[in-house]
Amino acid sequence: MTLKTDTPEVMKAYLKANKFDDKEWTFIRSSDENTRELANIMAIKYKEITPIEFSHSNIISVYSKKEYSLSKKKVLTKI
């Protein structure tokens, strides 16, 4: 994700093309610095491999509107 290419319009088109319900999903974007800070707060580690590919931890976090973590679980993916 980059701020140059992933504009709000592009992200809305992605939601629509992939049939995400915009009442249930919120896509956010920010600066690299703010994204790294949020990832650290959420205990998510990631590394850019290429401009469009990232290696990242597999953690699912669920948050309520009260802004605190309800659940955090490591997810193992079978390949």
N, C-alpha and C. Protein backbone atom coordinates (compact mmCIF):
# COMPACT_ATOMS: atom_id res chain seq x y z
N MET A 1 0.83 -1.18 0.00
CA MET A 1 0.00 0.00 0.00
C MET A 1 0.87 1.23 0.00
N THR A 2 0.54 2.16 -0.85
CA THR A 2 1.23 3.44 -0.86
C THR A 2 0.21 4.56 -0.96
N LEU A 3 0.54 5.66 -0.36
CA LEU A 3 -0.38 6.80 -0.41
C LEU A 3 -0.54 7.34 -1.82
N LYS A 4 0.48 7.14 -2.67
CA LYS A 4 0.40 7.64 -4.05
C LYS A 4 -0.60 6.86 -4.89
N THR A 5 -0.63 5.53 -4.70
CA THR A 5 -1.50 4.72 -5.56
C THR A 5 -2.80 4.29 -4.88
N ASP A 6 -2.79 4.13 -3.58
CA ASP A 6 -3.99 3.68 -2.88
C ASP A 6 -4.79 4.87 -2.34
N THR A 7 -5.37 5.58 -3.28
CA THR A 7 -6.17 6.75 -2.94
C THR A 7 -7.52 6.30 -2.39
N PRO A 8 -8.26 7.18 -1.74
CA PRO A 8 -9.60 6.80 -1.28
C PRO A 8 -10.47 6.25 -2.42
N GLU A 9 -10.34 6.82 -3.61
CA GLU A 9 -11.14 6.35 -4.75
C GLU A 9 -10.76 4.92 -5.14
N VAL A 10 -9.45 4.63 -5.16
CA VAL A 10 -8.97 3.29 -5.50
C VAL A 10 -9.44 2.29 -4.44
N MET A 11 -9.37 2.68 -3.18
CA MET A 11 -9.78 1.78 -2.11
C MET A 11 -11.28 1.52 -2.15
N LYS A 12 -12.09 2.53 -2.48
CA LYS A 12 -13.54 2.34 -2.61
C LYS A 12 -13.85 1.39 -3.77
N ALA A 13 -13.11 1.53 -4.87
CA ALA A 13 -13.31 0.64 -6.01
C ALA A 13 -12.94 -0.80 -5.64
N TYR A 14 -11.90 -0.97 -4.83
CA TYR A 14 -11.51 -2.30 -4.36
C TYR A 14 -12.61 -2.92 -3.51
N LEU A 15 -13.17 -2.12 -2.60
CA LEU A 15 -14.29 -2.59 -1.78
C LEU A 15 -15.43 -3.09 -2.66
N LYS A 16 -15.78 -2.29 -3.65
CA LYS A 16 -16.90 -2.63 -4.53
C LYS A 16 -16.58 -3.86 -5.38
N ALA A 17 -15.40 -3.91 -5.97
CA ALA A 17 -15.02 -5.02 -6.85
C ALA A 17 -14.96 -6.35 -6.09
N ASN A 18 -14.61 -6.30 -4.82
CA ASN A 18 -14.49 -7.51 -4.02
C ASN A 18 -15.69 -7.75 -3.11
N LYS A 19 -16.74 -6.98 -3.35
CA LYS A 19 -18.03 -7.13 -2.68
C LYS A 19 -17.95 -7.05 -1.15
N PHE A 20 -17.11 -6.13 -0.66
CA PHE A 20 -17.07 -5.85 0.77
C PHE A 20 -18.24 -4.96 1.13
N ASP A 21 -18.87 -5.24 2.24
CA ASP A 21 -19.97 -4.41 2.72
C ASP A 21 -19.37 -3.21 3.45
N ASP A 22 -19.54 -2.02 2.89
CA ASP A 22 -18.91 -0.84 3.49
C ASP A 22 -19.51 -0.45 4.84
N LYS A 23 -20.60 -1.08 5.22
CA LYS A 23 -21.16 -0.85 6.56
C LYS A 23 -20.43 -1.70 7.60
N GLU A 24 -19.78 -2.76 7.15
CA GLU A 24 -19.06 -3.66 8.06
C GLU A 24 -17.55 -3.52 7.97
N TRP A 25 -17.04 -2.93 6.91
CA TRP A 25 -15.61 -2.80 6.70
C TRP A 25 -15.21 -1.33 6.62
N THR A 26 -14.11 -1.01 7.23
CA THR A 26 -13.54 0.33 7.11
C THR A 26 -12.08 0.18 6.71
N PHE A 27 -11.72 0.72 5.57
CA PHE A 27 -10.33 0.71 5.14
C PHE A 27 -9.73 2.05 5.52
N ILE A 28 -8.54 2.00 6.10
CA ILE A 28 -7.88 3.24 6.51
C ILE A 28 -6.51 3.33 5.84
N ARG A 29 -5.99 4.52 5.76
CA ARG A 29 -4.65 4.72 5.21
C ARG A 29 -3.99 5.85 5.98
N SER A 30 -2.66 5.83 5.99
CA SER A 30 -1.93 6.83 6.74
C SER A 30 -0.49 6.88 6.23
N SER A 31 0.31 7.68 6.87
CA SER A 31 1.72 7.77 6.51
C SER A 31 2.43 6.49 6.94
N ASP A 32 3.60 6.24 6.37
CA ASP A 32 4.38 5.06 6.76
C ASP A 32 4.69 5.09 8.26
N GLU A 33 5.04 6.26 8.77
CA GLU A 33 5.37 6.39 10.19
C GLU A 33 4.19 6.04 11.08
N ASN A 34 3.01 6.57 10.76
CA ASN A 34 1.81 6.29 11.56
C ASN A 34 1.39 4.83 11.44
N THR A 35 1.55 4.25 10.25
CA THR A 35 1.21 2.85 10.04
C THR A 35 2.11 1.96 10.89
N ARG A 36 3.41 2.26 10.91
CA ARG A 36 4.36 1.49 11.72
C ARG A 36 4.02 1.60 13.21
N GLU A 37 3.65 2.82 13.65
CA GLU A 37 3.30 3.02 15.05
C GLU A 37 2.05 2.20 15.43
N LEU A 38 1.03 2.24 14.58
CA LEU A 38 -0.18 1.46 14.84
C LEU A 38 0.13 -0.04 14.86
N ALA A 39 0.94 -0.49 13.92
CA ALA A 39 1.32 -1.91 13.88
C ALA A 39 2.03 -2.32 15.17
N ASN A 40 2.90 -1.47 15.66
CA ASN A 40 3.61 -1.77 16.91
C ASN A 40 2.64 -1.84 18.08
N ILE A 41 1.69 -0.92 18.14
CA ILE A 41 0.70 -0.93 19.22
C ILE A 41 -0.12 -2.22 19.18
N MET A 42 -0.43 -2.68 17.97
CA MET A 42 -1.24 -3.89 17.80
C MET A 42 -0.41 -5.17 17.80
N ALA A 43 0.90 -5.04 18.01
CA ALA A 43 1.83 -6.19 18.03
C ALA A 43 1.86 -6.93 16.70
N ILE A 44 1.77 -6.18 15.62
CA ILE A 44 1.86 -6.74 14.28
C ILE A 44 3.21 -6.33 13.69
N LYS A 45 3.97 -7.30 13.27
CA LYS A 45 5.27 -7.04 12.65
C LYS A 45 5.15 -7.23 11.15
N TYR A 46 5.76 -6.34 10.38
CA TYR A 46 5.73 -6.50 8.94
C TYR A 46 7.01 -5.96 8.32
N LYS A 47 7.29 -6.45 7.13
CA LYS A 47 8.49 -6.05 6.40
C LYS A 47 8.14 -5.95 4.93
N GLU A 48 8.53 -4.86 4.29
CA GLU A 48 8.27 -4.70 2.87
C GLU A 48 9.24 -5.56 2.08
N ILE A 49 8.70 -6.40 1.21
CA ILE A 49 9.51 -7.25 0.34
C ILE A 49 9.72 -6.54 -1.00
N THR A 50 8.61 -6.07 -1.58
CA THR A 50 8.62 -5.24 -2.79
C THR A 50 7.60 -4.14 -2.53
N PRO A 51 7.50 -3.15 -3.41
CA PRO A 51 6.51 -2.09 -3.17
C PRO A 51 5.07 -2.57 -3.04
N ILE A 52 4.76 -3.78 -3.52
CA ILE A 52 3.39 -4.29 -3.41
C ILE A 52 3.29 -5.59 -2.62
N GLU A 53 4.39 -6.03 -2.02
CA GLU A 53 4.39 -7.30 -1.29
C GLU A 53 5.01 -7.11 0.09
N PHE A 54 4.32 -7.63 1.11
CA PHE A 54 4.78 -7.53 2.49
C PHE A 54 4.78 -8.89 3.15
N SER A 55 5.72 -9.09 4.03
CA SER A 55 5.73 -10.24 4.92
C SER A 55 5.21 -9.72 6.25
N HIS A 56 4.25 -10.42 6.86
CA HIS A 56 3.68 -9.91 8.10
C HIS A 56 3.23 -11.05 9.01
N SER A 57 3.10 -10.73 10.28
CA SER A 57 2.60 -11.72 11.24
C SER A 57 1.13 -11.98 10.97
N ASN A 58 0.70 -13.19 11.29
CA ASN A 58 -0.69 -13.58 11.10
C ASN A 58 -1.43 -13.46 12.43
N ILE A 59 -1.97 -12.31 12.68
CA ILE A 59 -2.70 -12.05 13.92
C ILE A 59 -4.04 -11.42 13.55
N ILE A 60 -5.09 -11.92 14.15
CA ILE A 60 -6.40 -11.30 13.95
C ILE A 60 -6.73 -10.52 15.22
N SER A 61 -7.03 -9.25 15.05
CA SER A 61 -7.41 -8.40 16.18
C SER A 61 -8.84 -7.92 15.97
N VAL A 62 -9.64 -7.98 17.01
CA VAL A 62 -11.02 -7.53 16.94
C VAL A 62 -11.17 -6.37 17.90
N TYR A 63 -11.72 -5.27 17.42
CA TYR A 63 -11.87 -4.07 18.23
C TYR A 63 -13.33 -3.63 18.27
N SER A 64 -13.70 -3.05 19.36
CA SER A 64 -15.05 -2.50 19.47
C SER A 64 -14.98 -1.01 19.21
N LYS A 65 -16.12 -0.36 19.17
CA LYS A 65 -16.16 1.08 18.98
C LYS A 65 -15.60 1.83 20.18
N LYS A 66 -15.40 1.12 21.30
CA LYS A 66 -14.82 1.74 22.49
C LYS A 66 -13.30 1.78 22.42
N GLU A 67 -12.74 1.31 21.29
CA GLU A 67 -11.31 1.43 20.98
C GLU A 67 -10.39 0.60 21.85
N TYR A 68 -10.79 -0.57 22.24
CA TYR A 68 -9.87 -1.46 22.93
C TYR A 68 -9.98 -2.85 22.32
N SER A 69 -8.93 -3.60 22.46
CA SER A 69 -8.87 -4.92 21.85
C SER A 69 -9.78 -5.89 22.59
N LEU A 70 -10.67 -6.54 21.86
CA LEU A 70 -11.54 -7.55 22.44
C LEU A 70 -10.89 -8.93 22.36
N SER A 71 -10.13 -9.14 21.32
CA SER A 71 -9.53 -10.45 21.11
C SER A 71 -8.29 -10.31 20.24
N LYS A 72 -7.31 -11.10 20.52
CA LYS A 72 -6.13 -11.14 19.68
C LYS A 72 -5.68 -12.60 19.62
N LYS A 73 -5.57 -13.13 18.44
CA LYS A 73 -5.27 -14.54 18.30
C LYS A 73 -4.30 -14.74 17.14
N LYS A 74 -3.27 -15.51 17.38
CA LYS A 74 -2.36 -15.87 16.30
C LYS A 74 -3.05 -16.89 15.42
N VAL A 75 -2.87 -16.74 14.13
CA VAL A 75 -3.51 -17.63 13.19
C VAL A 75 -2.43 -18.39 12.43
N LEU A 76 -2.56 -19.69 12.40
CA LEU A 76 -1.62 -20.51 11.65
C LEU A 76 -2.25 -20.82 10.30
N THR A 77 -1.48 -20.62 9.27
CA THR A 77 -1.97 -20.85 7.92
C THR A 77 -1.32 -22.11 7.36
N LYS A 78 -2.14 -23.02 6.90
CA LYS A 78 -1.62 -24.24 6.27
C LYS A 78 -1.48 -23.99 4.78
N ILE A 79 -0.29 -24.24 4.27
CA ILE A 79 -0.03 -24.00 2.84
C ILE A 79 0.09 -25.32 2.12
